[in-house]
Amino acid sequence: MALSQHDLLRLMESLRTADGIELVRTLAQRILQELIEAEATAHIGAAPGEHSETRTTMRNGHRGKVLTTQ
């Protein structure tokens, strides 16, 4: 679904409020976390808590990390 230029400008203006900034921050955090989880799943070859006949170990938790941007 593509937004018209007018709709996109209205959306950008609404995101400039304090609530909008927090929404963008929360969305960015969720998107990054999903990307990290997908990368870990692909690298390890197992979803969190997953085990199988061929794998004797399970993927367990993770540590929190801080992402610093400019």
PDB file of N, CA and C in Angstrom:
ATOM      1  N   MET A   1       0.844  -1.172   0.000  1.00  0.00           N
ATOM      2  CA  MET A   1       0.000   0.000   0.000  1.00  0.00           C
ATOM      3  C   MET A   1       0.890   1.235   0.000  1.00  0.00           C
ATOM      4  N   ALA A   2       0.777   2.038  -1.008  1.00  0.00           N
ATOM      5  CA  ALA A   2       1.571   3.258  -1.116  1.00  0.00           C
ATOM      6  C   ALA A   2       0.774   4.436  -0.566  1.00  0.00           C
ATOM      7  N   LEU A   3       1.462   5.316   0.144  1.00  0.00           N
ATOM      8  CA  LEU A   3       0.832   6.532   0.650  1.00  0.00           C
ATOM      9  C   LEU A   3       0.993   7.648  -0.368  1.00  0.00           C
ATOM     10  N   SER A   4      -0.029   8.495  -0.456  1.00  0.00           N
ATOM     11  CA  SER A   4       0.105   9.663  -1.320  1.00  0.00           C
ATOM     12  C   SER A   4       1.083  10.634  -0.661  1.00  0.00           C
ATOM     13  N   GLN A   5       1.591  11.552  -1.430  1.00  0.00           N
ATOM     14  CA  GLN A   5       2.528  12.549  -0.905  1.00  0.00           C
ATOM     15  C   GLN A   5       1.877  13.341   0.226  1.00  0.00           C
ATOM     16  N   HIS A   6       0.600  13.688   0.054  1.00  0.00           N
ATOM     17  CA  HIS A   6      -0.133  14.441   1.074  1.00  0.00           C
ATOM     18  C   HIS A   6      -0.249  13.632   2.370  1.00  0.00           C
ATOM     19  N   ASP A   7      -0.626  12.370   2.251  1.00  0.00           N
ATOM     20  CA  ASP A   7      -0.753  11.510   3.433  1.00  0.00           C
ATOM     21  C   ASP A   7       0.587  11.310   4.124  1.00  0.00           C
ATOM     22  N   LEU A   8       1.634  11.164   3.344  1.00  0.00           N
ATOM     23  CA  LEU A   8       2.966  10.992   3.911  1.00  0.00           C
ATOM     24  C   LEU A   8       3.398  12.234   4.685  1.00  0.00           C
ATOM     25  N   LEU A   9       3.126  13.408   4.152  1.00  0.00           N
ATOM     26  CA  LEU A   9       3.457  14.656   4.850  1.00  0.00           C
ATOM     27  C   LEU A   9       2.663  14.795   6.143  1.00  0.00           C
ATOM     28  N   ARG A  10       1.382  14.424   6.122  1.00  0.00           N
ATOM     29  CA  ARG A  10       0.571  14.474   7.347  1.00  0.00           C
ATOM     30  C   ARG A  10       1.105  13.505   8.393  1.00  0.00           C
ATOM     31  N   LEU A  11       1.499  12.317   7.969  1.00  0.00           N
ATOM     32  CA  LEU A  11       2.068  11.332   8.888  1.00  0.00           C
ATOM     33  C   LEU A  11       3.364  11.850   9.500  1.00  0.00           C
ATOM     34  N   MET A  12       4.236  12.400   8.679  1.00  0.00           N
ATOM     35  CA  MET A  12       5.510  12.935   9.175  1.00  0.00           C
ATOM     36  C   MET A  12       5.277  14.059  10.180  1.00  0.00           C
ATOM     37  N   GLU A  13       4.312  14.915   9.923  1.00  0.00           N
ATOM     38  CA  GLU A  13       4.008  16.014  10.838  1.00  0.00           C
ATOM     39  C   GLU A  13       3.503  15.477  12.180  1.00  0.00           C
ATOM     40  N   SER A  14       2.654  14.465  12.150  1.00  0.00           N
ATOM     41  CA  SER A  14       2.126  13.907  13.397  1.00  0.00           C
ATOM     42  C   SER A  14       3.208  13.185  14.200  1.00  0.00           C
ATOM     43  N   LEU A  15       4.234  12.671  13.534  1.00  0.00           N
ATOM     44  CA  LEU A  15       5.309  11.977  14.243  1.00  0.00           C
ATOM     45  C   LEU A  15       6.270  12.939  14.932  1.00  0.00           C
ATOM     46  N   ARG A  16       6.160  14.225  14.631  1.00  0.00           N
ATOM     47  CA  ARG A  16       7.050  15.211  15.257  1.00  0.00           C
ATOM     48  C   ARG A  16       6.631  15.559  16.681  1.00  0.00           C
ATOM     49  N   THR A  17       5.482  15.124  17.129  1.00  0.00           N
ATOM     50  CA  THR A  17       5.047  15.377  18.496  1.00  0.00           C
ATOM     51  C   THR A  17       5.810  14.451  19.447  1.00  0.00           C
ATOM     52  N   ALA A  18       5.702  14.735  20.746  1.00  0.00           N
ATOM     53  CA  ALA A  18       6.378  13.895  21.746  1.00  0.00           C
ATOM     54  C   ALA A  18       5.881  12.454  21.664  1.00  0.00           C
ATOM     55  N   ASP A  19       4.572  12.275  21.499  1.00  0.00           N
ATOM     56  CA  ASP A  19       4.021  10.918  21.378  1.00  0.00           C
ATOM     57  C   ASP A  19       4.520  10.241  20.110  1.00  0.00           C
ATOM     58  N   GLY A  20       4.636  11.000  19.041  1.00  0.00           N
ATOM     59  CA  GLY A  20       5.118  10.450  17.779  1.00  0.00           C
ATOM     60  C   GLY A  20       6.560  10.010  17.863  1.00  0.00           C
ATOM     61  N   ILE A  21       7.371  10.797  18.544  1.00  0.00           N
ATOM     62  CA  ILE A  21       8.787  10.449  18.704  1.00  0.00           C
ATOM     63  C   ILE A  21       8.923   9.161  19.506  1.00  0.00           C
ATOM     64  N   GLU A  22       8.121   9.026  20.542  1.00  0.00           N
ATOM     65  CA  GLU A  22       8.161   7.797  21.342  1.00  0.00           C
ATOM     66  C   GLU A  22       7.676   6.602  20.518  1.00  0.00           C
ATOM     67  N   LEU A  23       6.681   6.819  19.677  1.00  0.00           N
ATOM     68  CA  LEU A  23       6.186   5.755  18.804  1.00  0.00           C
ATOM     69  C   LEU A  23       7.279   5.296  17.845  1.00  0.00           C
ATOM     70  N   VAL A  24       7.984   6.240  17.240  1.00  0.00           N
ATOM     71  CA  VAL A  24       9.076   5.893  16.323  1.00  0.00           C
ATOM     72  C   VAL A  24      10.163   5.131  17.066  1.00  0.00           C
ATOM     73  N   ARG A  25      10.492   5.571  18.272  1.00  0.00           N
ATOM     74  CA  ARG A  25      11.517   4.899  19.075  1.00  0.00           C
ATOM     75  C   ARG A  25      11.104   3.457  19.378  1.00  0.00           C
ATOM     76  N   THR A  26       9.859   3.273  19.774  1.00  0.00           N
ATOM     77  CA  THR A  26       9.360   1.936  20.085  1.00  0.00           C
ATOM     78  C   THR A  26       9.344   1.043  18.845  1.00  0.00           C
ATOM     79  N   LEU A  27       8.891   1.591  17.719  1.00  0.00           N
ATOM     80  CA  LEU A  27       8.879   0.817  16.473  1.00  0.00           C
ATOM     81  C   LEU A  27      10.286   0.426  16.042  1.00  0.00           C
ATOM     82  N   ALA A  28      11.219   1.358  16.135  1.00  0.00           N
ATOM     83  CA  ALA A  28      12.605   1.058  15.758  1.00  0.00           C
ATOM     84  C   ALA A  28      13.171  -0.047  16.644  1.00  0.00           C
ATOM     85  N   GLN A  29      12.883   0.027  17.940  1.00  0.00           N
ATOM     86  CA  GLN A  29      13.365  -0.992  18.872  1.00  0.00           C
ATOM     87  C   GLN A  29      12.800  -2.365  18.507  1.00  0.00           C
ATOM     88  N   ARG A  30      11.512  -2.427  18.215  1.00  0.00           N
ATOM     89  CA  ARG A  30      10.893  -3.711  17.862  1.00  0.00           C
ATOM     90  C   ARG A  30      11.423  -4.263  16.552  1.00  0.00           C
ATOM     91  N   ILE A  31      11.580  -3.390  15.569  1.00  0.00           N
ATOM     92  CA  ILE A  31      12.093  -3.836  14.272  1.00  0.00           C
ATOM     93  C   ILE A  31      13.502  -4.388  14.423  1.00  0.00           C
ATOM     94  N   LEU A  32      14.352  -3.660  15.146  1.00  0.00           N
ATOM     95  CA  LEU A  32      15.726  -4.130  15.350  1.00  0.00           C
ATOM     96  C   LEU A  32      15.751  -5.453  16.105  1.00  0.00           C
ATOM     97  N   GLN A  33      14.901  -5.601  17.129  1.00  0.00           N
ATOM     98  CA  GLN A  33      14.870  -6.844  17.894  1.00  0.00           C
ATOM     99  C   GLN A  33      14.432  -8.009  17.016  1.00  0.00           C
ATOM    100  N   GLU A  34      13.443  -7.795  16.169  1.00  0.00           N
ATOM    101  CA  GLU A  34      13.000  -8.851  15.254  1.00  0.00           C
ATOM    102  C   GLU A  34      14.112  -9.246  14.290  1.00  0.00           C
ATOM    103  N   LEU A  35      14.853  -8.257  13.785  1.00  0.00           N
ATOM    104  CA  LEU A  35      15.975  -8.553  12.888  1.00  0.00           C
ATOM    105  C   LEU A  35      17.064  -9.344  13.606  1.00  0.00           C
ATOM    106  N   ILE A  36      17.356  -8.976  14.846  1.00  0.00           N
ATOM    107  CA  ILE A  36      18.366  -9.688  15.636  1.00  0.00           C
ATOM    108  C   ILE A  36      17.923 -11.131  15.877  1.00  0.00           C
ATOM    109  N   GLU A  37      16.654 -11.325  16.240  1.00  0.00           N
ATOM    110  CA  GLU A  37      16.136 -12.676  16.475  1.00  0.00           C
ATOM    111  C   GLU A  37      16.191 -13.516  15.203  1.00  0.00           C
ATOM    112  N   ALA A  38      15.818 -12.921  14.069  1.00  0.00           N
ATOM    113  CA  ALA A  38      15.853 -13.653  12.798  1.00  0.00           C
ATOM    114  C   ALA A  38      17.280 -14.038  12.439  1.00  0.00           C
ATOM    115  N   GLU A  39      18.220 -13.123  12.660  1.00  0.00           N
ATOM    116  CA  GLU A  39      19.622 -13.417  12.366  1.00  0.00           C
ATOM    117  C   GLU A  39      20.140 -14.536  13.267  1.00  0.00           C
ATOM    118  N   ALA A  40      19.788 -14.483  14.555  1.00  0.00           N
ATOM    119  CA  ALA A  40      20.228 -15.525  15.486  1.00  0.00           C
ATOM    120  C   ALA A  40      19.634 -16.878  15.103  1.00  0.00           C
ATOM    121  N   THR A  41      18.364 -16.897  14.739  1.00  0.00           N
ATOM    122  CA  THR A  41      17.716 -18.140  14.332  1.00  0.00           C
ATOM    123  C   THR A  41      18.403 -18.731  13.105  1.00  0.00           C
ATOM    124  N   ALA A  42      18.712 -17.884  12.131  1.00  0.00           N
ATOM    125  CA  ALA A  42      19.389 -18.364  10.919  1.00  0.00           C
ATOM    126  C   ALA A  42      20.798 -18.855  11.234  1.00  0.00           C
ATOM    127  N   HIS A  43      21.509 -18.143  12.083  1.00  0.00           N
ATOM    128  CA  HIS A  43      22.889 -18.499  12.406  1.00  0.00           C
ATOM    129  C   HIS A  43      22.963 -19.790  13.226  1.00  0.00           C
ATOM    130  N   ILE A  44      22.098 -19.891  14.228  1.00  0.00           N
ATOM    131  CA  ILE A  44      22.124 -21.045  15.129  1.00  0.00           C
ATOM    132  C   ILE A  44      21.399 -22.238  14.516  1.00  0.00           C
ATOM    133  N   GLY A  45      20.394 -21.955  13.695  1.00  0.00           N
ATOM    134  CA  GLY A  45      19.615 -23.031  13.091  1.00  0.00           C
ATOM    135  C   GLY A  45      18.505 -23.529  13.990  1.00  0.00           C
ATOM    136  N   ALA A  46      18.090 -22.702  14.951  1.00  0.00           N
ATOM    137  CA  ALA A  46      17.013 -23.088  15.854  1.00  0.00           C
ATOM    138  C   ALA A  46      16.329 -21.845  16.392  1.00  0.00           C
ATOM    139  N   ALA A  47      15.023 -21.944  16.556  1.00  0.00           N
ATOM    140  CA  ALA A  47      14.265 -20.865  17.182  1.00  0.00           C
ATOM    141  C   ALA A  47      14.471 -20.940  18.697  1.00  0.00           C
ATOM    142  N   PRO A  48      14.129 -19.883  19.443  1.00  0.00           N
ATOM    143  CA  PRO A  48      14.286 -19.933  20.903  1.00  0.00           C
ATOM    144  C   PRO A  48      13.551 -21.131  21.513  1.00  0.00           C
ATOM    145  N   GLY A  49      14.249 -21.909  22.329  1.00  0.00           N
ATOM    146  CA  GLY A  49      13.671 -23.071  22.991  1.00  0.00           C
ATOM    147  C   GLY A  49      13.486 -24.295  22.110  1.00  0.00           C
ATOM    148  N   GLU A  50      13.884 -24.219  20.861  1.00  0.00           N
ATOM    149  CA  GLU A  50      13.673 -25.319  19.918  1.00  0.00           C
ATOM    150  C   GLU A  50      14.737 -26.407  20.079  1.00  0.00           C
ATOM    151  N   HIS A  51      14.302 -27.649  19.988  1.00  0.00           N
ATOM    152  CA  HIS A  51      15.233 -28.773  19.926  1.00  0.00           C
ATOM    153  C   HIS A  51      14.617 -29.839  19.020  1.00  0.00           C
ATOM    154  N   SER A  52      15.428 -30.768  18.576  1.00  0.00           N
ATOM    155  CA  SER A  52      14.930 -31.813  17.676  1.00  0.00           C
ATOM    156  C   SER A  52      15.732 -33.083  17.897  1.00  0.00           C
ATOM    157  N   GLU A  53      15.413 -34.104  17.128  1.00  0.00           N
ATOM    158  CA  GLU A  53      16.136 -35.375  17.220  1.00  0.00           C
ATOM    159  C   GLU A  53      17.608 -35.196  16.859  1.00  0.00           C
ATOM    160  N   THR A  54      17.890 -34.334  15.898  1.00  0.00           N
ATOM    161  CA  THR A  54      19.278 -34.143  15.455  1.00  0.00           C
ATOM    162  C   THR A  54      20.039 -33.148  16.321  1.00  0.00           C
ATOM    163  N   ARG A  55      19.329 -32.309  17.027  1.00  0.00           N
ATOM    164  CA  ARG A  55      19.970 -31.340  17.930  1.00  0.00           C
ATOM    165  C   ARG A  55      19.715 -31.777  19.358  1.00  0.00           C
ATOM    166  N   THR A  56      20.754 -31.949  20.116  1.00  0.00           N
ATOM    167  CA  THR A  56      20.565 -32.342  21.516  1.00  0.00           C
ATOM    168  C   THR A  56      20.516 -31.130  22.434  1.00  0.00           C
ATOM    169  N   THR A  57      20.928 -29.985  21.946  1.00  0.00           N
ATOM    170  CA  THR A  57      20.893 -28.772  22.762  1.00  0.00           C
ATOM    171  C   THR A  57      19.731 -27.892  22.331  1.00  0.00           C
ATOM    172  N   MET A  58      19.360 -26.965  23.214  1.00  0.00           N
ATOM    173  CA  MET A  58      18.296 -26.021  22.896  1.00  0.00           C
ATOM    174  C   MET A  58      18.871 -24.612  22.862  1.00  0.00           C
ATOM    175  N   ARG A  59      18.264 -23.775  22.065  1.00  0.00           N
ATOM    176  CA  ARG A  59      18.636 -22.359  22.073  1.00  0.00           C
ATOM    177  C   ARG A  59      17.986 -21.750  23.305  1.00  0.00           C
ATOM    178  N   ASN A  60      18.808 -21.143  24.159  1.00  0.00           N
ATOM    179  CA  ASN A  60      18.250 -20.550  25.368  1.00  0.00           C
ATOM    180  C   ASN A  60      18.146 -19.038  25.210  1.00  0.00           C
ATOM    181  N   GLY A  61      18.099 -18.319  26.292  1.00  0.00           N
ATOM    182  CA  GLY A  61      17.860 -16.879  26.297  1.00  0.00           C
ATOM    183  C   GLY A  61      18.928 -16.044  25.625  1.00  0.00           C
ATOM    184  N   HIS A  62      18.883 -14.763  25.925  1.00  0.00           N
ATOM    185  CA  HIS A  62      19.846 -13.833  25.350  1.00  0.00           C
ATOM    186  C   HIS A  62      20.153 -12.732  26.357  1.00  0.00           C
ATOM    187  N   ARG A  63      21.211 -12.021  26.102  1.00  0.00           N
ATOM    188  CA  ARG A  63      21.608 -10.906  26.960  1.00  0.00           C
ATOM    189  C   ARG A  63      21.161  -9.601  26.319  1.00  0.00           C
ATOM    190  N   GLY A  64      20.816  -8.650  27.158  1.00  0.00           N
ATOM    191  CA  GLY A  64      20.459  -7.328  26.658  1.00  0.00           C
ATOM    192  C   GLY A  64      21.700  -6.595  26.176  1.00  0.00           C
ATOM    193  N   LYS A  65      21.532  -5.810  25.149  1.00  0.00           N
ATOM    194  CA  LYS A  65      22.637  -5.019  24.611  1.00  0.00           C
ATOM    195  C   LYS A  65      22.128  -3.617  24.334  1.00  0.00           C
ATOM    196  N   VAL A  66      23.032  -2.662  24.337  1.00  0.00           N
ATOM    197  CA  VAL A  66      22.670  -1.278  24.076  1.00  0.00           C
ATOM    198  C   VAL A  66      23.125  -0.900  22.675  1.00  0.00           C
ATOM    199  N   LEU A  67      22.220  -0.323  21.906  1.00  0.00           N
ATOM    200  CA  LEU A  67      22.534   0.159  20.570  1.00  0.00           C
ATOM    201  C   LEU A  67      22.686   1.670  20.651  1.00  0.00           C
ATOM    202  N   THR A  68      23.838   2.173  20.280  1.00  0.00           N
ATOM    203  CA  THR A  68      24.089   3.605  20.314  1.00  0.00           C
ATOM    204  C   THR A  68      24.111   4.135  18.892  1.00  0.00           C
ATOM    205  N   THR A  69      23.340   5.185  18.660  1.00  0.00           N
ATOM    206  CA  THR A  69      23.314   5.811  17.339  1.00  0.00           C
ATOM    207  C   THR A  69      23.624   7.288  17.483  1.00  0.00           C
ATOM    208  N   GLN A  70      23.882   7.913  16.374  1.00  0.00           N
ATOM    209  CA  GLN A  70      24.140   9.357  16.409  1.00  0.00           C
ATOM    210  C   GLN A  70      22.981  10.118  15.833  1.00  0.00           C
TER     211      GLN A  70
END
